[in-house]
Amino acid sequence: MCALAALVVSPALAAPIPSGTPVVSSDLTPNATGKVAEPSDDVVHPGVTTEWWYASFMDPHSKRQLIVTIFTAPVPMVNAVMMYGDTTNPLSPAPGTPVPGGFAPHGGAVLDGLPGVRTNQGEMSYDVARNAYHVRIHSTFDVDVWLDRGQLPGATGFIDLHNHGQWMGWTSPVATSTVTGSVRFVGGAPIDITGWRGYHDHNWGNFTMVDQAADGWEWGISHEPDGGASIIGGLVRRGAQWTGSVIDVRPSGTRVCTSSRLHLSDWTSGSTLLSGATYALPGTITATCGPDEKYRFSKTFHLTEPVVVDFGPLAASLEAPYTTVSGSFGMFEHIRSLVARIEQSQR
């Protein structure tokens, strides 16, 4: 859902650290815009304040993660980072890779109305003939990956923050897949990631997060051994109100509940990469379909390693490893604004 890896160049700022940042309530109103995602949902939106395309690739054996993002707003940029390259530290290089990532500006998106995004530095494009997404970057780093085996869709939806007219759109046309391709960073040898699991989503809208108009967001993806996936995705409005979806992705079909009840518990503090301060992550995250939804199911994510980063205005897990069912592997982003943490510390 987000590319926090693109922010790791920011300086650390001090912030109050509450013991946890739970949600206080959940908006259980079904969202009429929510549905199973399609490539046609995944197009450029000129004029929005924020827009990015995101792809993550995870090694089912080592649990390494490759994160690739193309931003078109507020700053046109491509970036990639290899996380857990040595399988122990979040941003340590993999063997044969002298740096864990790279970034570069681009000249803006091509406004062709087709699914995905195309720039002079690379693309995330849907190939109709192959029925697959192609992630290709040729910049200060090289990525050439197809999400082309067992690809299954997630959800598309819209969230109104109910604050200063801010809103966010989100689509995940590839909730899970098995990929073919490779990545190469500056000075390093190509890394073959064929056989890794792949995910692709796209966010856009009139919101910034840094301006504190939202308390934060919750988003997680877990790749599961039957070829399916579990997803939780949504925002936390000012006042700690959760509004978001829970999604069950199976080879037999995708089920979407556009409203859900979220419960965060078992808080665990993790040292930040930049400041040494701590920011508490929920060890257990459960989202359950709202009472007026067509489906009845829950998804629970379990923390396996507390990896966090604190920029001051925002604190977040850094695609921290979480699991759902036995044999699964995934990540979760738990993000809170400075204002939300101050308010939580005074409760």
Protein backbone atom coordinates (compact mmCIF):
# COMPACT_ATOMS: atom_id res chain seq x y z
CA MET A 1 0.00 0.00 0.00
CA CYS A 2 2.85 2.39 0.79
CA ALA A 3 6.52 2.79 -0.03
CA LEU A 4 8.06 3.76 3.29
CA ALA A 5 11.38 2.63 1.92
CA ALA A 6 11.45 5.83 -0.14
CA LEU A 7 11.46 7.88 3.07
CA VAL A 8 14.47 6.38 4.80
CA VAL A 9 16.64 9.26 3.61
CA SER A 10 14.71 11.64 5.90
CA PRO A 11 16.35 12.85 9.13
CA ALA A 12 15.18 11.48 12.47
CA LEU A 13 13.14 13.71 14.74
CA ALA A 14 12.27 13.21 18.39
CA ALA A 15 8.68 12.31 19.26
CA PRO A 16 6.72 11.17 22.30
CA ILE A 17 6.39 7.41 22.39
CA PRO A 18 3.17 5.98 23.86
CA SER A 19 3.03 2.32 24.84
CA GLY A 20 0.69 1.65 21.92
CA THR A 21 -1.59 3.36 19.42
CA PRO A 22 -4.79 1.31 19.28
CA VAL A 23 -7.90 2.24 17.37
CA VAL A 24 -10.77 3.54 19.49
CA SER A 25 -13.62 2.70 17.12
CA SER A 26 -14.35 1.23 13.69
CA ASP A 27 -16.59 2.70 10.98
CA LEU A 28 -18.83 -0.25 10.10
CA THR A 29 -20.62 1.42 7.18
CA PRO A 30 -20.11 -0.65 3.99
CA ASN A 31 -18.34 1.28 1.24
CA ALA A 32 -20.35 1.21 -1.98
CA THR A 33 -17.21 1.89 -4.06
CA GLY A 34 -15.44 -1.25 -2.85
CA LYS A 35 -15.08 -4.25 -5.17
CA VAL A 36 -12.69 -6.87 -6.49
CA ALA A 37 -9.80 -5.09 -8.24
CA GLU A 38 -9.37 -5.04 -12.02
CA PRO A 39 -6.53 -3.69 -14.18
CA SER A 40 -8.88 -0.96 -15.46
CA ASP A 41 -8.92 0.52 -11.93
CA ASP A 42 -5.15 0.98 -12.08
CA VAL A 43 -4.73 4.17 -14.16
CA VAL A 44 -3.04 7.55 -13.70
CA HIS A 45 -5.05 10.29 -11.91
CA PRO A 46 -3.76 13.72 -13.02
CA GLY A 47 -4.17 16.52 -10.49
CA VAL A 48 -4.14 14.51 -7.25
CA THR A 49 -1.74 15.56 -4.49
CA THR A 50 -0.39 12.06 -3.88
CA GLU A 51 -0.01 9.07 -6.21
CA TRP A 52 2.24 6.04 -6.31
CA TRP A 53 2.47 2.52 -7.74
CA TYR A 54 3.99 -0.12 -5.50
CA ALA A 55 5.25 -3.66 -5.97
CA SER A 56 6.75 -5.99 -3.39
CA PHE A 57 8.47 -9.29 -3.96
CA MET A 58 9.17 -11.74 -1.12
CA ASP A 59 11.42 -14.79 -1.07
CA PRO A 60 9.47 -17.69 0.49
CA HIS A 61 12.72 -19.20 1.79
CA SER A 62 14.89 -16.36 3.13
CA LYS A 63 11.99 -13.87 3.56
CA ARG A 64 14.01 -11.20 1.74
CA GLN A 65 11.86 -8.40 0.31
CA LEU A 66 12.36 -6.29 -2.79
CA ILE A 67 10.24 -3.11 -2.75
CA VAL A 68 9.80 -1.07 -5.95
CA THR A 69 7.83 2.19 -6.14
CA ILE A 70 7.02 4.74 -8.82
CA PHE A 71 5.78 8.08 -7.45
CA THR A 72 4.13 10.64 -9.71
CA ALA A 73 3.04 13.05 -6.94
CA PRO A 74 4.08 14.97 -4.98
CA VAL A 75 7.58 14.19 -6.36
CA PRO A 76 8.12 12.16 -9.57
CA MET A 77 10.56 9.45 -8.50
CA VAL A 78 11.36 5.75 -8.88
CA ASN A 79 12.93 3.83 -6.03
CA ALA A 80 13.80 0.30 -4.99
CA VAL A 81 15.19 -1.27 -1.83
CA MET A 82 16.19 -4.82 -0.91
CA MET A 83 15.11 -5.44 2.67
CA TYR A 84 16.51 -8.22 4.87
CA GLY A 85 19.24 -8.78 2.30
CA ASP A 86 21.28 -10.71 4.85
CA THR A 87 18.03 -12.16 6.34
CA THR A 88 18.65 -10.45 9.71
CA ASN A 89 18.78 -6.66 9.32
CA PRO A 90 16.11 -4.67 7.45
CA LEU A 91 18.39 -2.66 5.17
CA SER A 92 21.56 -4.75 5.00
CA PRO A 93 22.82 -5.57 1.50
CA ALA A 94 22.37 -9.03 0.09
CA PRO A 95 25.52 -10.94 -0.91
CA GLY A 96 26.93 -9.37 -4.06
CA THR A 97 24.90 -6.19 -3.57
CA PRO A 98 27.02 -3.28 -2.25
CA VAL A 99 23.99 -1.04 -1.58
CA PRO A 100 20.48 -2.15 -0.60
CA GLY A 101 18.63 0.19 -2.96
CA GLY A 102 18.49 3.32 -5.06
CA PHE A 103 16.25 6.11 -6.29
CA ALA A 104 16.05 8.56 -9.18
CA PRO A 105 13.72 11.30 -10.49
CA HIS A 106 11.66 10.72 -13.62
CA GLY A 107 9.99 13.02 -16.15
CA GLY A 108 6.36 12.32 -15.25
CA ALA A 109 3.76 9.73 -16.19
CA VAL A 110 2.59 9.06 -19.73
CA LEU A 111 -1.12 9.95 -19.83
CA ASP A 112 -2.29 7.13 -22.09
CA GLY A 113 -5.23 5.90 -19.97
CA LEU A 114 -3.83 2.34 -19.83
CA PRO A 115 -3.49 0.30 -16.62
CA GLY A 116 -0.33 0.99 -14.66
CA VAL A 117 2.22 3.77 -15.08
CA ARG A 118 4.90 4.47 -17.67
CA THR A 119 7.78 6.96 -17.25
CA ASN A 120 11.15 7.62 -18.85
CA GLN A 121 12.80 5.70 -15.99
CA GLY A 122 10.56 2.65 -16.00
CA GLU A 123 7.08 1.28 -15.70
CA MET A 124 4.55 -0.93 -13.96
CA SER A 125 2.36 -1.98 -16.86
CA TYR A 126 -0.37 -4.51 -17.50
CA ASP A 127 0.29 -6.66 -20.56
CA VAL A 128 -3.06 -7.79 -21.99
CA ALA A 129 -1.59 -10.57 -24.15
CA ARG A 130 0.34 -12.06 -21.24
CA ASN A 131 -2.39 -11.24 -18.69
CA ALA A 132 0.33 -10.09 -16.31
CA TYR A 133 2.00 -7.01 -14.84
CA HIS A 134 5.53 -6.08 -15.86
CA VAL A 135 7.72 -4.07 -13.45
CA ARG A 136 10.65 -2.62 -15.36
CA ILE A 137 13.09 0.03 -14.11
CA HIS A 138 16.26 1.07 -15.96
CA SER A 139 17.79 3.85 -13.91
CA THR A 140 20.48 3.90 -11.22
CA PHE A 141 19.27 0.32 -10.63
CA ASP A 142 17.67 -2.26 -12.89
CA VAL A 143 14.48 -4.23 -12.27
CA ASP A 144 12.83 -6.56 -14.77
CA VAL A 145 10.12 -8.68 -13.18
CA TRP A 146 6.85 -10.22 -14.37
CA LEU A 147 4.04 -11.03 -11.92
CA ASP A 148 2.95 -13.77 -14.24
CA ARG A 149 2.08 -17.00 -12.43
CA GLY A 150 -0.92 -17.66 -10.24
CA GLN A 151 -1.80 -13.97 -10.05
CA LEU A 152 -4.97 -13.23 -8.06
CA PRO A 153 -6.73 -9.87 -7.53
CA GLY A 154 -7.25 -7.93 -4.31
CA ALA A 155 -9.66 -5.00 -3.90
CA THR A 156 -10.38 -1.47 -5.12
CA GLY A 157 -11.91 1.15 -2.86
CA PHE A 158 -12.20 4.77 -1.72
CA ILE A 159 -11.80 6.22 1.78
CA ASP A 160 -13.05 9.63 2.91
CA LEU A 161 -11.02 11.00 5.82
CA HIS A 162 -13.86 13.35 6.86
CA ASN A 163 -11.21 16.02 7.42
CA HIS A 164 -10.37 19.02 5.17
CA GLY A 165 -11.76 17.23 2.11
CA GLN A 166 -9.01 14.62 2.14
CA TRP A 167 -9.55 11.19 0.60
CA MET A 168 -7.63 8.20 -0.72
CA GLY A 169 -8.20 5.70 -3.52
CA TRP A 170 -6.55 2.28 -3.47
CA THR A 171 -6.45 -0.71 -5.78
CA SER A 172 -4.51 -3.97 -5.53
CA PRO A 173 -4.85 -5.66 -8.93
CA VAL A 174 -2.31 -8.32 -7.92
CA ALA A 175 -2.79 -9.45 -4.34
CA THR A 176 -0.45 -12.38 -4.81
CA SER A 177 1.42 -14.12 -7.61
CA THR A 178 4.64 -15.97 -8.33
CA VAL A 179 7.16 -13.93 -10.30
CA THR A 180 9.82 -14.24 -12.98
CA GLY A 181 12.75 -11.85 -13.23
CA SER A 182 15.74 -10.18 -11.62
CA VAL A 183 17.08 -7.01 -9.99
CA ARG A 184 20.53 -5.41 -10.05
CA PHE A 185 21.74 -2.51 -7.90
CA VAL A 186 24.73 -0.27 -8.63
CA GLY A 187 27.97 -2.25 -8.61
CA GLY A 188 26.22 -5.49 -7.81
CA ALA A 189 25.53 -8.72 -9.62
CA PRO A 190 22.00 -9.53 -10.85
CA ILE A 191 19.79 -11.21 -8.25
CA ASP A 192 17.39 -13.76 -9.69
CA ILE A 193 14.03 -13.48 -7.90
CA THR A 194 12.17 -16.03 -10.02
CA GLY A 195 9.90 -18.02 -7.75
CA TRP A 196 9.37 -15.22 -5.23
CA ARG A 197 5.81 -14.13 -4.42
CA GLY A 198 4.71 -10.77 -5.82
CA TYR A 199 2.17 -8.09 -4.91
CA HIS A 200 1.17 -4.86 -6.69
CA ASP A 201 -1.02 -1.95 -5.58
CA HIS A 202 -1.64 1.71 -6.39
CA ASN A 203 -2.65 4.61 -4.13
CA TRP A 204 -3.82 8.10 -5.07
CA GLY A 205 -5.82 10.99 -3.69
CA ASN A 206 -5.81 14.29 -1.86
CA PHE A 207 -3.92 13.46 1.31
CA THR A 208 -0.34 13.67 2.57
CA MET A 209 -0.21 11.96 5.99
CA VAL A 210 2.57 14.33 7.04
CA ASP A 211 0.02 17.14 7.55
CA GLN A 212 -1.54 15.12 10.43
CA ALA A 213 -5.04 15.19 8.90
CA ALA A 214 -5.19 11.43 9.51
CA ASP A 215 -4.02 9.53 12.58
CA GLY A 216 -2.39 6.92 10.37
CA TRP A 217 -3.08 3.74 8.46
CA GLU A 218 -3.01 -0.03 8.71
CA TRP A 219 -2.05 -2.21 5.77
CA GLY A 220 -0.78 -5.76 5.51
CA ILE A 221 -0.35 -8.53 2.95
CA SER A 222 0.34 -12.17 3.74
CA HIS A 223 1.18 -14.70 1.01
CA GLU A 224 -0.21 -18.09 1.95
CA PRO A 225 0.78 -21.65 1.01
CA ASP A 226 -2.36 -22.49 -0.99
CA GLY A 227 -1.49 -19.72 -3.48
CA GLY A 228 -3.88 -17.27 -1.85
CA ALA A 229 -3.38 -14.24 0.37
CA SER A 230 -4.88 -12.21 3.20
CA ILE A 231 -5.03 -8.40 3.11
CA ILE A 232 -6.05 -5.71 5.59
CA GLY A 233 -6.05 -2.13 4.28
CA GLY A 234 -7.43 1.20 5.42
CA LEU A 235 -6.92 4.51 7.21
CA VAL A 236 -7.25 5.66 10.82
CA ARG A 237 -9.14 8.95 10.93
CA ARG A 238 -8.44 11.70 13.43
CA GLY A 239 -9.71 10.50 16.77
CA ALA A 240 -8.43 6.93 16.20
CA GLN A 241 -11.36 5.69 14.09
CA TRP A 242 -10.51 2.82 11.75
CA THR A 243 -12.11 2.65 8.31
CA GLY A 244 -10.97 -0.06 5.95
CA SER A 245 -11.31 -3.41 4.24
CA VAL A 246 -10.42 -7.00 4.97
CA ILE A 247 -9.86 -9.24 1.95
CA ASP A 248 -9.68 -13.00 1.49
CA VAL A 249 -7.87 -13.98 -1.72
CA ARG A 250 -8.13 -17.61 -2.90
CA PRO A 251 -7.57 -19.41 -6.20
CA SER A 252 -11.34 -20.01 -6.08
CA GLY A 253 -12.12 -16.28 -5.83
CA THR A 254 -11.61 -13.03 -3.91
CA ARG A 255 -13.96 -11.96 -1.10
CA VAL A 256 -14.02 -8.29 -0.08
CA CYS A 257 -15.55 -6.78 3.06
CA THR A 258 -15.39 -3.01 2.64
CA SER A 259 -16.16 -2.38 6.31
CA SER A 260 -14.46 -4.14 9.18
CA ARG A 261 -13.84 -4.07 12.90
CA LEU A 262 -10.13 -3.77 13.74
CA HIS A 263 -8.49 -4.89 16.97
CA LEU A 264 -4.81 -4.29 17.81
CA SER A 265 -3.19 -5.94 20.82
CA ASP A 266 0.01 -7.43 22.30
CA TRP A 267 2.06 -4.26 21.89
CA THR A 268 5.80 -4.68 21.33
CA SER A 269 8.37 -1.87 21.10
CA GLY A 270 11.03 -1.98 18.41
CA SER A 271 14.13 0.18 18.09
CA THR A 272 13.99 2.61 15.18
CA LEU A 273 16.65 2.54 12.50
CA LEU A 274 17.23 6.30 12.57
CA SER A 275 16.83 7.59 16.10
CA GLY A 276 17.21 4.66 18.49
CA ALA A 277 13.86 5.56 20.07
CA THR A 278 11.08 3.00 20.29
CA TYR A 279 7.69 2.84 18.63
CA ALA A 280 5.26 0.15 19.70
CA LEU A 281 3.83 -2.26 17.14
CA PRO A 282 0.78 -4.46 17.61
CA GLY A 283 1.86 -8.07 18.00
CA THR A 284 -1.61 -9.21 16.96
CA ILE A 285 -3.84 -7.51 14.37
CA THR A 286 -7.34 -8.83 13.67
CA ALA A 287 -9.85 -7.47 11.19
CA THR A 288 -13.38 -8.90 11.02
CA CYS A 289 -16.02 -8.22 8.37
CA GLY A 290 -18.59 -5.63 9.43
CA PRO A 291 -22.09 -6.77 10.43
CA ASP A 292 -23.74 -5.58 7.19
CA GLU A 293 -21.29 -7.28 4.83
CA LYS A 294 -22.15 -10.18 2.53
CA TYR A 295 -19.29 -12.29 3.93
CA ARG A 296 -18.30 -13.40 7.43
CA PHE A 297 -14.59 -13.92 8.03
CA SER A 298 -11.64 -12.58 10.00
CA LYS A 299 -7.95 -12.19 9.29
CA THR A 300 -5.28 -12.16 11.99
CA PHE A 301 -1.68 -11.05 11.47
CA HIS A 302 1.07 -12.01 13.96
CA LEU A 303 4.27 -10.00 14.37
CA THR A 304 7.51 -11.93 13.93
CA GLU A 305 10.04 -9.07 14.19
CA PRO A 306 9.45 -5.48 15.43
CA VAL A 307 11.12 -3.27 12.80
CA VAL A 308 10.21 0.41 13.10
CA VAL A 309 11.30 3.85 11.96
CA ASP A 310 10.45 7.22 13.50
CA PHE A 311 10.66 10.42 11.45
CA GLY A 312 8.91 12.57 14.07
CA PRO A 313 5.86 13.65 12.04
CA LEU A 314 5.29 9.95 11.26
CA ALA A 315 6.34 6.71 12.90
CA ALA A 316 5.86 3.36 11.26
CA SER A 317 6.75 -0.26 11.00
CA LEU A 318 9.17 -0.67 8.13
CA GLU A 319 7.32 -3.40 6.22
CA ALA A 320 7.73 -5.41 9.41
CA PRO A 321 7.44 -9.20 9.00
CA TYR A 322 4.06 -10.66 9.99
CA THR A 323 2.40 -14.00 9.32
CA THR A 324 -1.19 -15.24 9.18
CA VAL A 325 -1.58 -19.01 8.77
CA SER A 326 1.07 -21.74 9.07
CA GLY A 327 3.52 -21.53 6.17
CA SER A 328 2.62 -17.92 5.32
CA PHE A 329 4.94 -14.92 5.09
CA GLY A 330 4.12 -11.26 4.75
CA MET A 331 4.42 -7.75 6.10
CA PHE A 332 2.36 -5.12 7.87
CA GLU A 333 2.53 -1.32 8.04
CA HIS A 334 1.30 0.27 11.27
CA ILE A 335 1.69 4.06 10.86
CA ARG A 336 0.80 6.90 13.21
CA SER A 337 1.16 10.67 13.02
CA LEU A 338 2.86 12.76 15.69
CA VAL A 339 -0.47 14.31 16.76
CA ALA A 340 -2.03 10.87 17.16
CA ARG A 341 0.85 9.70 19.35
CA ILE A 342 0.69 12.82 21.50
CA GLU A 343 -3.03 12.34 22.02
CA GLN A 344 -2.55 8.65 22.81
CA SER A 345 0.16 9.40 25.37
CA GLN A 346 -2.30 11.73 27.21
CA ARG A 347 -5.20 9.25 27.37
